[in-house]
Structures are given as C-alpha cells and as structure tokens.
C-alpha cells in the first residue's frame, strides 16, 4: 500500500472511532441519568480506575499503557463533562463553536 492508501485507511478508522466515541458517550449519559435519579455523584474514582485498568489490560500495542491511560482519561473527562451538561438540562449542540 502507498501513503494515500494508508491515509484513506486511517480516515476510515477515524470515522469508526468517532461513531464509537459517540456511542460510548450516549451510554455515559444514560449512566449519568441513572446516577442523578439515585442521587449519586458523577465522579466515581473507583469506577474510573476500573475503566483505566480494563483499557490497559486490553492493550496489545503499539501504544503504551501510559498512552492508553491518557487517552481514556480524556475520554472519561469528556463524558463527565457531557453528564454535567445533561444534568443541568442543557441540550447538547453536537458541535463545538469555532
């Protein structure tokens, strides 16, 4: 394969990643709604550590476990932010303002 082929493959993977990240966020929002109904806090460090451990355990490289951890910390942070917005009753706009 040439550079163009590899870039096209990466673009396809990026599209799938966006779809999966949004699917994961929808799940996190549902969990957030359930936590709110139960009077539970959004931030639950034990669960976050479990998610990070699971991600590292499933890592087969070439990314290091530290890199996977940083990526998942960011994913979790964004999910928590979306949960806060949802708990305030603000509609998600789907896109950031530029």
PDB file of N, CA and C in Angstrom:
ATOM      1  N   UNK A   1       0.848  -1.188   0.000  1.00  0.00           N
ATOM      2  CA  UNK A   1       0.000   0.000   0.000  1.00  0.00           C
ATOM      3  C   UNK A   1       0.890   1.245   0.000  1.00  0.00           C
ATOM      4  N   UNK A   2       0.381   2.306  -0.621  1.00  0.00           N
ATOM      5  CA  UNK A   2       1.130   3.557  -0.627  1.00  0.00           C
ATOM      6  C   UNK A   2       0.590   4.507   0.443  1.00  0.00           C
ATOM      7  N   UNK A   3       1.197   5.684   0.536  1.00  0.00           N
ATOM      8  CA  UNK A   3       0.805   6.651   1.572  1.00  0.00           C
ATOM      9  C   UNK A   3      -0.674   6.994   1.469  1.00  0.00           C
ATOM     10  N   UNK A   4      -1.148   7.212   0.274  1.00  0.00           N
ATOM     11  CA  UNK A   4      -2.559   7.558   0.070  1.00  0.00           C
ATOM     12  C   UNK A   4      -3.478   6.446   0.575  1.00  0.00           C
ATOM     13  N   UNK A   5      -3.108   5.211   0.314  1.00  0.00           N
ATOM     14  CA  UNK A   5      -3.905   4.083   0.787  1.00  0.00           C
ATOM     15  C   UNK A   5      -3.937   4.032   2.311  1.00  0.00           C
ATOM     16  N   UNK A   6      -2.781   4.222   2.934  1.00  0.00           N
ATOM     17  CA  UNK A   6      -2.716   4.199   4.407  1.00  0.00           C
ATOM     18  C   UNK A   6      -3.521   5.352   5.003  1.00  0.00           C
ATOM     19  N   UNK A   7      -3.432   6.522   4.365  1.00  0.00           N
ATOM     20  CA  UNK A   7      -4.207   7.672   4.870  1.00  0.00           C
ATOM     21  C   UNK A   7      -5.703   7.430   4.727  1.00  0.00           C
ATOM     22  N   UNK A   8      -6.097   6.822   3.628  1.00  0.00           N
ATOM     23  CA  UNK A   8      -7.515   6.504   3.441  1.00  0.00           C
ATOM     24  C   UNK A   8      -7.970   5.519   4.515  1.00  0.00           C
ATOM     25  N   UNK A   9      -7.140   4.533   4.803  1.00  0.00           N
ATOM     26  CA  UNK A   9      -7.457   3.547   5.854  1.00  0.00           C
ATOM     27  C   UNK A   9      -7.586   4.243   7.201  1.00  0.00           C
ATOM     28  N   UNK A  10      -6.664   5.169   7.488  1.00  0.00           N
ATOM     29  CA  UNK A  10      -6.741   5.913   8.754  1.00  0.00           C
ATOM     30  C   UNK A  10      -8.008   6.762   8.816  1.00  0.00           C
ATOM     31  N   UNK A  11      -8.398   7.361   7.704  1.00  0.00           N
ATOM     32  CA  UNK A  11      -9.640   8.143   7.672  1.00  0.00           C
ATOM     33  C   UNK A  11     -10.848   7.260   7.979  1.00  0.00           C
ATOM     34  N   UNK A  12     -10.852   6.046   7.453  1.00  0.00           N
ATOM     35  CA  UNK A  12     -11.939   5.103   7.728  1.00  0.00           C
ATOM     36  C   UNK A  12     -11.972   4.728   9.212  1.00  0.00           C
ATOM     37  N   UNK A  13     -10.806   4.497   9.773  1.00  0.00           N
ATOM     38  CA  UNK A  13     -10.716   4.164  11.204  1.00  0.00           C
ATOM     39  C   UNK A  13     -11.176   5.349  12.040  1.00  0.00           C
ATOM     40  N   UNK A  14     -10.749   6.565  11.656  1.00  0.00           N
ATOM     41  CA  UNK A  14     -11.171   7.762  12.394  1.00  0.00           C
ATOM     42  C   UNK A  14     -12.688   7.894  12.411  1.00  0.00           C
ATOM     43  N   UNK A  15     -13.325   7.612  11.287  1.00  0.00           N
ATOM     44  CA  UNK A  15     -14.784   7.680  11.216  1.00  0.00           C
ATOM     45  C   UNK A  15     -15.403   6.697  12.206  1.00  0.00           C
ATOM     46  N   UNK A  16     -14.862   5.479  12.245  1.00  0.00           N
ATOM     47  CA  UNK A  16     -15.369   4.472  13.182  1.00  0.00           C
ATOM     48  C   UNK A  16     -15.124   4.897  14.627  1.00  0.00           C
ATOM     49  N   UNK A  17     -13.958   5.488  14.886  1.00  0.00           N
ATOM     50  CA  UNK A  17     -13.664   5.951  16.246  1.00  0.00           C
ATOM     51  C   UNK A  17     -14.670   7.009  16.699  1.00  0.00           C
ATOM     52  N   UNK A  18     -14.992   7.943  15.808  1.00  0.00           N
ATOM     53  CA  UNK A  18     -15.973   8.980  16.152  1.00  0.00           C
ATOM     54  C   UNK A  18     -17.320   8.343  16.466  1.00  0.00           C
ATOM     55  N   UNK A  19     -17.727   7.380  15.650  1.00  0.00           N
ATOM     56  CA  UNK A  19     -19.003   6.692  15.892  1.00  0.00           C
ATOM     57  C   UNK A  19     -18.980   5.978  17.239  1.00  0.00           C
ATOM     58  N   UNK A  20     -17.889   5.282  17.543  1.00  0.00           N
ATOM     59  CA  UNK A  20     -17.779   4.550  18.804  1.00  0.00           C
ATOM     60  C   UNK A  20     -17.706   5.487  20.002  1.00  0.00           C
ATOM     61  N   UNK A  21     -16.978   6.593  19.863  1.00  0.00           N
ATOM     62  CA  UNK A  21     -16.891   7.548  20.970  1.00  0.00           C
ATOM     63  C   UNK A  21     -18.259   8.158  21.271  1.00  0.00           C
ATOM     64  N   UNK A  22     -19.015   8.453  20.221  1.00  0.00           N
ATOM     65  CA  UNK A  22     -20.359   8.990  20.442  1.00  0.00           C
ATOM     66  C   UNK A  22     -21.288   7.940  21.038  1.00  0.00           C
ATOM     67  N   UNK A  23     -21.148   6.705  20.617  1.00  0.00           N
ATOM     68  CA  UNK A  23     -21.952   5.630  21.209  1.00  0.00           C
ATOM     69  C   UNK A  23     -21.616   5.473  22.690  1.00  0.00           C
ATOM     70  N   UNK A  24     -20.324   5.526  23.005  1.00  0.00           N
ATOM     71  CA  UNK A  24     -19.896   5.431  24.399  1.00  0.00           C
ATOM     72  C   UNK A  24     -20.448   6.605  25.209  1.00  0.00           C
ATOM     73  N   UNK A  25     -20.444   7.784  24.617  1.00  0.00           N
ATOM     74  CA  UNK A  25     -20.966   8.965  25.305  1.00  0.00           C
ATOM     75  C   UNK A  25     -22.459   8.843  25.573  1.00  0.00           C
ATOM     76  N   UNK A  26     -23.191   8.279  24.622  1.00  0.00           N
ATOM     77  CA  UNK A  26     -24.622   8.060  24.860  1.00  0.00           C
ATOM     78  C   UNK A  26     -24.827   7.120  26.051  1.00  0.00           C
ATOM     79  N   UNK A  27     -23.997   6.087  26.142  1.00  0.00           N
ATOM     80  CA  UNK A  27     -24.071   5.174  27.297  1.00  0.00           C
ATOM     81  C   UNK A  27     -23.757   5.927  28.587  1.00  0.00           C
ATOM     82  N   UNK A  28     -22.715   6.745  28.559  1.00  0.00           N
ATOM     83  CA  UNK A  28     -22.330   7.509  29.745  1.00  0.00           C
ATOM     84  C   UNK A  28     -23.447   8.465  30.167  1.00  0.00           C
ATOM     85  N   UNK A  29     -24.137   9.058  29.197  1.00  0.00           N
ATOM     86  CA  UNK A  29     -25.251   9.947  29.530  1.00  0.00           C
ATOM     87  C   UNK A  29     -26.374   9.183  30.217  1.00  0.00           C
ATOM     88  N   UNK A  30     -26.643   7.971  29.747  1.00  0.00           N
ATOM     89  CA  UNK A  30     -27.677   7.162  30.401  1.00  0.00           C
ATOM     90  C   UNK A  30     -27.252   6.798  31.821  1.00  0.00           C
ATOM     91  N   UNK A  31     -25.994   6.445  31.997  1.00  0.00           N
ATOM     92  CA  UNK A  31     -25.483   6.163  33.344  1.00  0.00           C
ATOM     93  C   UNK A  31     -25.615   7.419  34.202  1.00  0.00           C
ATOM     94  N   UNK A  32     -25.303   8.573  33.627  1.00  0.00           N
ATOM     95  CA  UNK A  32     -25.433   9.830  34.353  1.00  0.00           C
ATOM     96  C   UNK A  32     -26.858  10.102  34.796  1.00  0.00           C
ATOM     97  N   UNK A  33     -27.817   9.810  33.933  1.00  0.00           N
ATOM     98  CA  UNK A  33     -29.228  10.000  34.296  1.00  0.00           C
ATOM     99  C   UNK A  33     -29.617   9.082  35.456  1.00  0.00           C
ATOM    100  N   UNK A  34     -29.129   7.855  35.390  1.00  0.00           N
ATOM    101  CA  UNK A  34     -29.418   6.905  36.472  1.00  0.00           C
ATOM    102  C   UNK A  34     -28.747   7.338  37.771  1.00  0.00           C
ATOM    103  N   UNK A  35     -27.521   7.840  37.676  1.00  0.00           N
ATOM    104  CA  UNK A  35     -26.825   8.334  38.879  1.00  0.00           C
ATOM    105  C   UNK A  35     -27.581   9.515  39.476  1.00  0.00           C
ATOM    106  N   UNK A  36     -28.037  10.410  38.608  1.00  0.00           N
ATOM    107  CA  UNK A  36     -28.780  11.573  39.096  1.00  0.00           C
ATOM    108  C   UNK A  36     -30.060  11.137  39.800  1.00  0.00           C
ATOM    109  N   UNK A  37     -30.777  10.206  39.203  1.00  0.00           N
ATOM    110  CA  UNK A  37     -32.027   9.722  39.802  1.00  0.00           C
ATOM    111  C   UNK A  37     -31.772   9.058  41.149  1.00  0.00           C
ATOM    112  N   UNK A  38     -30.609   8.435  41.288  1.00  0.00           N
ATOM    113  CA  UNK A  38     -30.268   7.751  42.540  1.00  0.00           C
ATOM    114  C   UNK A  38     -29.544   8.669  43.520  1.00  0.00           C
ATOM    115  N   UNK A  39     -29.324   9.923  43.115  1.00  0.00           N
ATOM    116  CA  UNK A  39     -28.626  10.868  43.991  1.00  0.00           C
ATOM    117  C   UNK A  39     -27.143  10.557  44.149  1.00  0.00           C
ATOM    118  N   UNK A  40     -26.567   9.916  43.135  1.00  0.00           N
ATOM    119  CA  UNK A  40     -25.159   9.543  43.192  1.00  0.00           C
ATOM    120  C   UNK A  40     -24.296  10.628  42.550  1.00  0.00           C
ATOM    121  N   UNK A  41     -23.042  10.757  42.973  1.00  0.00           N
ATOM    122  CA  UNK A  41     -22.150  11.749  42.358  1.00  0.00           C
ATOM    123  C   UNK A  41     -21.734  11.312  40.950  1.00  0.00           C
ATOM    124  N   UNK A  42     -21.449  12.299  40.111  1.00  0.00           N
ATOM    125  CA  UNK A  42     -20.967  11.999  38.763  1.00  0.00           C
ATOM    126  C   UNK A  42     -19.603  11.324  38.845  1.00  0.00           C
ATOM    127  N   UNK A  43     -18.715  11.912  39.636  1.00  0.00           N
ATOM    128  CA  UNK A  43     -17.348  11.402  39.719  1.00  0.00           C
ATOM    129  C   UNK A  43     -17.282  10.225  40.677  1.00  0.00           C
ATOM    130  N   UNK A  44     -16.876   9.087  40.152  1.00  0.00           N
ATOM    131  CA  UNK A  44     -16.719   7.884  40.959  1.00  0.00           C
ATOM    132  C   UNK A  44     -15.331   7.304  40.663  1.00  0.00           C
ATOM    133  N   UNK A  45     -14.345   7.673  41.497  1.00  0.00           N
ATOM    134  CA  UNK A  45     -12.958   7.303  41.209  1.00  0.00           C
ATOM    135  C   UNK A  45     -12.718   5.801  41.095  1.00  0.00           C
ATOM    136  N   UNK A  46     -13.413   4.995  41.851  1.00  0.00           N
ATOM    137  CA  UNK A  46     -13.210   3.546  41.758  1.00  0.00           C
ATOM    138  C   UNK A  46     -13.606   3.037  40.374  1.00  0.00           C
ATOM    139  N   UNK A  47     -14.712   3.530  39.852  1.00  0.00           N
ATOM    140  CA  UNK A  47     -15.146   3.111  38.514  1.00  0.00           C
ATOM    141  C   UNK A  47     -14.161   3.613  37.458  1.00  0.00           C
ATOM    142  N   UNK A  48     -13.697   4.845  37.619  1.00  0.00           N
ATOM    143  CA  UNK A  48     -12.727   5.385  36.668  1.00  0.00           C
ATOM    144  C   UNK A  48     -11.461   4.521  36.657  1.00  0.00           C
ATOM    145  N   UNK A  49     -10.978   4.142  37.825  1.00  0.00           N
ATOM    146  CA  UNK A  49      -9.798   3.280  37.899  1.00  0.00           C
ATOM    147  C   UNK A  49     -10.051   1.927  37.246  1.00  0.00           C
ATOM    148  N   UNK A  50     -11.258   1.408  37.403  1.00  0.00           N
ATOM    149  CA  UNK A  50     -11.621   0.137  36.772  1.00  0.00           C
ATOM    150  C   UNK A  50     -11.569   0.257  35.245  1.00  0.00           C
ATOM    151  N   UNK A  51     -12.107   1.352  34.716  1.00  0.00           N
ATOM    152  CA  UNK A  51     -12.101   1.575  33.268  1.00  0.00           C
ATOM    153  C   UNK A  51     -10.662   1.682  32.760  1.00  0.00           C
ATOM    154  N   UNK A  52      -9.832   2.432  33.478  1.00  0.00           N
ATOM    155  CA  UNK A  52      -8.434   2.600  33.067  1.00  0.00           C
ATOM    156  C   UNK A  52      -7.675   1.277  33.124  1.00  0.00           C
ATOM    157  N   UNK A  53      -7.925   0.495  34.147  1.00  0.00           N
ATOM    158  CA  UNK A  53      -7.286  -0.822  34.265  1.00  0.00           C
ATOM    159  C   UNK A  53      -7.727  -1.749  33.141  1.00  0.00           C
ATOM    160  N   UNK A  54      -9.022  -1.731  32.836  1.00  0.00           N
ATOM    161  CA  UNK A  54      -9.541  -2.559  31.738  1.00  0.00           C
ATOM    162  C   UNK A  54      -8.900  -2.165  30.409  1.00  0.00           C
ATOM    163  N   UNK A  55      -8.776  -0.868  30.174  1.00  0.00           N
ATOM    164  CA  UNK A  55      -8.180  -0.395  28.921  1.00  0.00           C
ATOM    165  C   UNK A  55      -6.738  -0.873  28.809  1.00  0.00           C
ATOM    166  N   UNK A  56      -5.974  -0.742  29.874  1.00  0.00           N
ATOM    167  CA  UNK A  56      -4.575  -1.176  29.858  1.00  0.00           C
ATOM    168  C   UNK A  56      -4.482  -2.689  29.678  1.00  0.00           C
ATOM    169  N   UNK A  57      -5.350  -3.418  30.328  1.00  0.00           N
ATOM    170  CA  UNK A  57      -5.341  -4.875  30.228  1.00  0.00           C
ATOM    171  C   UNK A  57      -5.650  -5.333  28.796  1.00  0.00           C
ATOM    172  N   UNK A  58      -6.477  -4.587  28.085  1.00  0.00           N
ATOM    173  CA  UNK A  58      -6.842  -4.939  26.713  1.00  0.00           C
ATOM    174  C   UNK A  58      -5.866  -4.414  25.668  1.00  0.00           C
ATOM    175  N   UNK A  59      -4.902  -3.627  26.096  1.00  0.00           N
ATOM    176  CA  UNK A  59      -3.943  -3.031  25.178  1.00  0.00           C
ATOM    177  C   UNK A  59      -2.959  -4.076  24.650  1.00  0.00           C
ATOM    178  N   UNK A  60      -2.852  -4.139  23.345  1.00  0.00           N
ATOM    179  CA  UNK A  60      -1.902  -5.053  22.708  1.00  0.00           C
ATOM    180  C   UNK A  60      -0.838  -4.288  21.929  1.00  0.00           C
ATOM    181  N   UNK A  61      -0.800  -2.943  22.096  1.00  0.00           N
ATOM    182  CA  UNK A  61       0.215  -2.133  21.439  1.00  0.00           C
ATOM    183  C   UNK A  61      -0.132  -1.854  19.990  1.00  0.00           C
ATOM    184  N   UNK A  62       0.610  -1.003  19.374  1.00  0.00           N
ATOM    185  CA  UNK A  62       1.902  -0.474  19.774  1.00  0.00           C
ATOM    186  C   UNK A  62       1.850   0.684  20.770  1.00  0.00           C
ATOM    187  N   UNK A  63       0.671   1.214  21.055  1.00  0.00           N
ATOM    188  CA  UNK A  63       0.594   2.267  22.069  1.00  0.00           C
ATOM    189  C   UNK A  63       0.955   1.684  23.426  1.00  0.00           C
ATOM    190  N   UNK A  64       1.648   2.488  24.232  1.00  0.00           N
ATOM    191  CA  UNK A  64       2.000   2.049  25.576  1.00  0.00           C
ATOM    192  C   UNK A  64       0.769   2.119  26.472  1.00  0.00           C
ATOM    193  N   UNK A  65       0.829   1.425  27.590  1.00  0.00           N
ATOM    194  CA  UNK A  65      -0.270   1.501  28.564  1.00  0.00           C
ATOM    195  C   UNK A  65      -0.443   2.930  29.062  1.00  0.00           C
ATOM    196  N   UNK A  66       0.667   3.660  29.207  1.00  0.00           N
ATOM    197  CA  UNK A  66       0.570   5.058  29.640  1.00  0.00           C
ATOM    198  C   UNK A  66      -0.186   5.891  28.604  1.00  0.00           C
ATOM    199  N   UNK A  67       0.064   5.648  27.334  1.00  0.00           N
ATOM    200  CA  UNK A  67      -0.648   6.379  26.274  1.00  0.00           C
ATOM    201  C   UNK A  67      -2.132   6.033  26.284  1.00  0.00           C
ATOM    202  N   UNK A  68      -2.435   4.746  26.432  1.00  0.00           N
ATOM    203  CA  UNK A  68      -3.833   4.313  26.502  1.00  0.00           C
ATOM    204  C   UNK A  68      -4.512   4.959  27.702  1.00  0.00           C
ATOM    205  N   UNK A  69      -3.820   4.992  28.820  1.00  0.00           N
ATOM    206  CA  UNK A  69      -4.372   5.611  30.023  1.00  0.00           C
ATOM    207  C   UNK A  69      -4.689   7.084  29.778  1.00  0.00           C
ATOM    208  N   UNK A  70      -3.766   7.820  29.160  1.00  0.00           N
ATOM    209  CA  UNK A  70      -4.002   9.244  28.881  1.00  0.00           C
ATOM    210  C   UNK A  70      -5.204   9.430  27.956  1.00  0.00           C
ATOM    211  N   UNK A  71      -5.317   8.597  26.930  1.00  0.00           N
ATOM    212  CA  UNK A  71      -6.449   8.696  26.015  1.00  0.00           C
ATOM    213  C   UNK A  71      -7.768   8.440  26.746  1.00  0.00           C
ATOM    214  N   UNK A  72      -7.790   7.402  27.555  1.00  0.00           N
ATOM    215  CA  UNK A  72      -9.022   7.083  28.278  1.00  0.00           C
ATOM    216  C   UNK A  72      -9.334   8.108  29.362  1.00  0.00           C
ATOM    217  N   UNK A  73      -8.319   8.692  29.972  1.00  0.00           N
ATOM    218  CA  UNK A  73      -8.584   9.766  30.939  1.00  0.00           C
ATOM    219  C   UNK A  73      -9.296  10.916  30.251  1.00  0.00           C
ATOM    220  N   UNK A  74      -8.887  11.225  29.040  1.00  0.00           N
ATOM    221  CA  UNK A  74      -9.522  12.312  28.285  1.00  0.00           C
ATOM    222  C   UNK A  74     -10.949  11.933  27.890  1.00  0.00           C
ATOM    223  N   UNK A  75     -11.134  10.698  27.444  1.00  0.00           N
ATOM    224  CA  UNK A  75     -12.475  10.222  27.068  1.00  0.00           C
ATOM    225  C   UNK A  75     -13.406  10.301  28.278  1.00  0.00           C
ATOM    226  N   UNK A  76     -12.926   9.854  29.425  1.00  0.00           N
ATOM    227  CA  UNK A  76     -13.726   9.882  30.655  1.00  0.00           C
ATOM    228  C   UNK A  76     -14.040  11.322  31.052  1.00  0.00           C
ATOM    229  N   UNK A  77     -13.055  12.199  30.940  1.00  0.00           N
ATOM    230  CA  UNK A  77     -13.256  13.608  31.287  1.00  0.00           C
ATOM    231  C   UNK A  77     -14.342  14.231  30.403  1.00  0.00           C
ATOM    232  N   UNK A  78     -14.308  13.934  29.119  1.00  0.00           N
ATOM    233  CA  UNK A  78     -15.324  14.478  28.206  1.00  0.00           C
ATOM    234  C   UNK A  78     -16.704  13.893  28.504  1.00  0.00           C
ATOM    235  N   UNK A  79     -16.756  12.623  28.858  1.00  0.00           N
ATOM    236  CA  UNK A  79     -18.039  12.004  29.212  1.00  0.00           C
ATOM    237  C   UNK A  79     -18.599  12.647  30.472  1.00  0.00           C
ATOM    238  N   UNK A  80     -17.738  12.893  31.450  1.00  0.00           N
ATOM    239  CA  UNK A  80     -18.171  13.530  32.688  1.00  0.00           C
ATOM    240  C   UNK A  80     -18.693  14.936  32.417  1.00  0.00           C
ATOM    241  N   UNK A  81     -18.032  15.648  31.526  1.00  0.00           N
ATOM    242  CA  UNK A  81     -18.482  16.986  31.138  1.00  0.00           C
ATOM    243  C   UNK A  81     -19.858  16.926  30.472  1.00  0.00           C
ATOM    244  N   UNK A  82     -20.052  15.955  29.588  1.00  0.00           N
ATOM    245  CA  UNK A  82     -21.358  15.790  28.929  1.00  0.00           C
ATOM    246  C   UNK A  82     -22.433  15.443  29.949  1.00  0.00           C
ATOM    247  N   UNK A  83     -22.083  14.639  30.949  1.00  0.00           N
ATOM    248  CA  UNK A  83     -23.041  14.298  32.009  1.00  0.00           C
ATOM    249  C   UNK A  83     -23.452  15.548  32.776  1.00  0.00           C
ATOM    250  N   UNK A  84     -22.489  16.406  33.084  1.00  0.00           N
ATOM    251  CA  UNK A  84     -22.810  17.641  33.818  1.00  0.00           C
ATOM    252  C   UNK A  84     -23.762  18.519  33.020  1.00  0.00           C
ATOM    253  N   UNK A  85     -23.501  18.645  31.719  1.00  0.00           N
ATOM    254  CA  UNK A  85     -24.372  19.448  30.860  1.00  0.00           C
ATOM    255  C   UNK A  85     -25.773  18.852  30.857  1.00  0.00           C
ATOM    256  N   UNK A  86     -25.863  17.544  30.714  1.00  0.00           N
ATOM    257  CA  UNK A  86     -27.165  16.874  30.687  1.00  0.00           C
ATOM    258  C   UNK A  86     -27.899  17.042  32.014  1.00  0.00           C
ATOM    259  N   UNK A  87     -27.168  16.986  33.115  1.00  0.00           N
ATOM    260  CA  UNK A  87     -27.802  17.125  34.436  1.00  0.00           C
ATOM    261  C   UNK A  87     -28.359  18.533  34.636  1.00  0.00           C
ATOM    262  N   UNK A  88     -27.755  19.519  33.968  1.00  0.00           N
ATOM    263  CA  UNK A  88     -28.261  20.891  34.068  1.00  0.00           C
ATOM    264  C   UNK A  88     -29.427  21.117  33.117  1.00  0.00           C
ATOM    265  N   UNK A  89     -29.718  20.104  32.292  1.00  0.00           N
ATOM    266  CA  UNK A  89     -30.843  20.216  31.357  1.00  0.00           C
ATOM    267  C   UNK A  89     -30.526  20.985  30.090  1.00  0.00           C
ATOM    268  N   UNK A  90     -29.251  21.194  29.829  1.00  0.00           N
ATOM    269  CA  UNK A  90     -28.873  21.910  28.606  1.00  0.00           C
ATOM    270  C   UNK A  90     -28.860  20.935  27.431  1.00  0.00           C
ATOM    271  N   UNK A  91     -29.451  21.318  26.312  1.00  0.00           N
ATOM    272  CA  UNK A  91     -29.420  20.415  25.154  1.00  0.00           C
ATOM    273  C   UNK A  91     -28.025  20.393  24.552  1.00  0.00           C
ATOM    274  N   UNK A  92     -27.517  19.222  24.217  1.00  0.00           N
ATOM    275  CA  UNK A  92     -26.209  19.173  23.549  1.00  0.00           C
ATOM    276  C   UNK A  92     -26.342  19.714  22.148  1.00  0.00           C
ATOM    277  N   UNK A  93     -25.374  20.526  21.716  1.00  0.00           N
ATOM    278  CA  UNK A  93     -25.480  21.113  20.384  1.00  0.00           C
ATOM    279  C   UNK A  93     -24.822  20.233  19.331  1.00  0.00           C
ATOM    280  N   UNK A  94     -24.067  19.225  19.760  1.00  0.00           N
ATOM    281  CA  UNK A  94     -23.476  18.291  18.811  1.00  0.00           C
ATOM    282  C   UNK A  94     -22.178  18.758  18.211  1.00  0.00           C
ATOM    283  N   UNK A  95     -21.897  20.049  18.271  1.00  0.00           N
ATOM    284  CA  UNK A  95     -20.659  20.575  17.700  1.00  0.00           C
ATOM    285  C   UNK A  95     -20.171  21.723  18.570  1.00  0.00           C
ATOM    286  N   UNK A  96     -18.865  21.850  18.647  1.00  0.00           N
ATOM    287  CA  UNK A  96     -18.277  22.978  19.365  1.00  0.00           C
ATOM    288  C   UNK A  96     -18.320  24.207  18.474  1.00  0.00           C
ATOM    289  N   UNK A  97     -18.483  25.355  19.093  1.00  0.00           N
ATOM    290  CA  UNK A  97     -18.434  26.599  18.351  1.00  0.00           C
ATOM    291  C   UNK A  97     -16.994  26.871  17.936  1.00  0.00           C
ATOM    292  N   UNK A  98     -16.831  27.438  16.758  1.00  0.00           N
ATOM    293  CA  UNK A  98     -15.476  27.731  16.267  1.00  0.00           C
ATOM    294  C   UNK A  98     -15.233  29.202  16.244  1.00  0.00           C
TER     295      UNK A  98
END
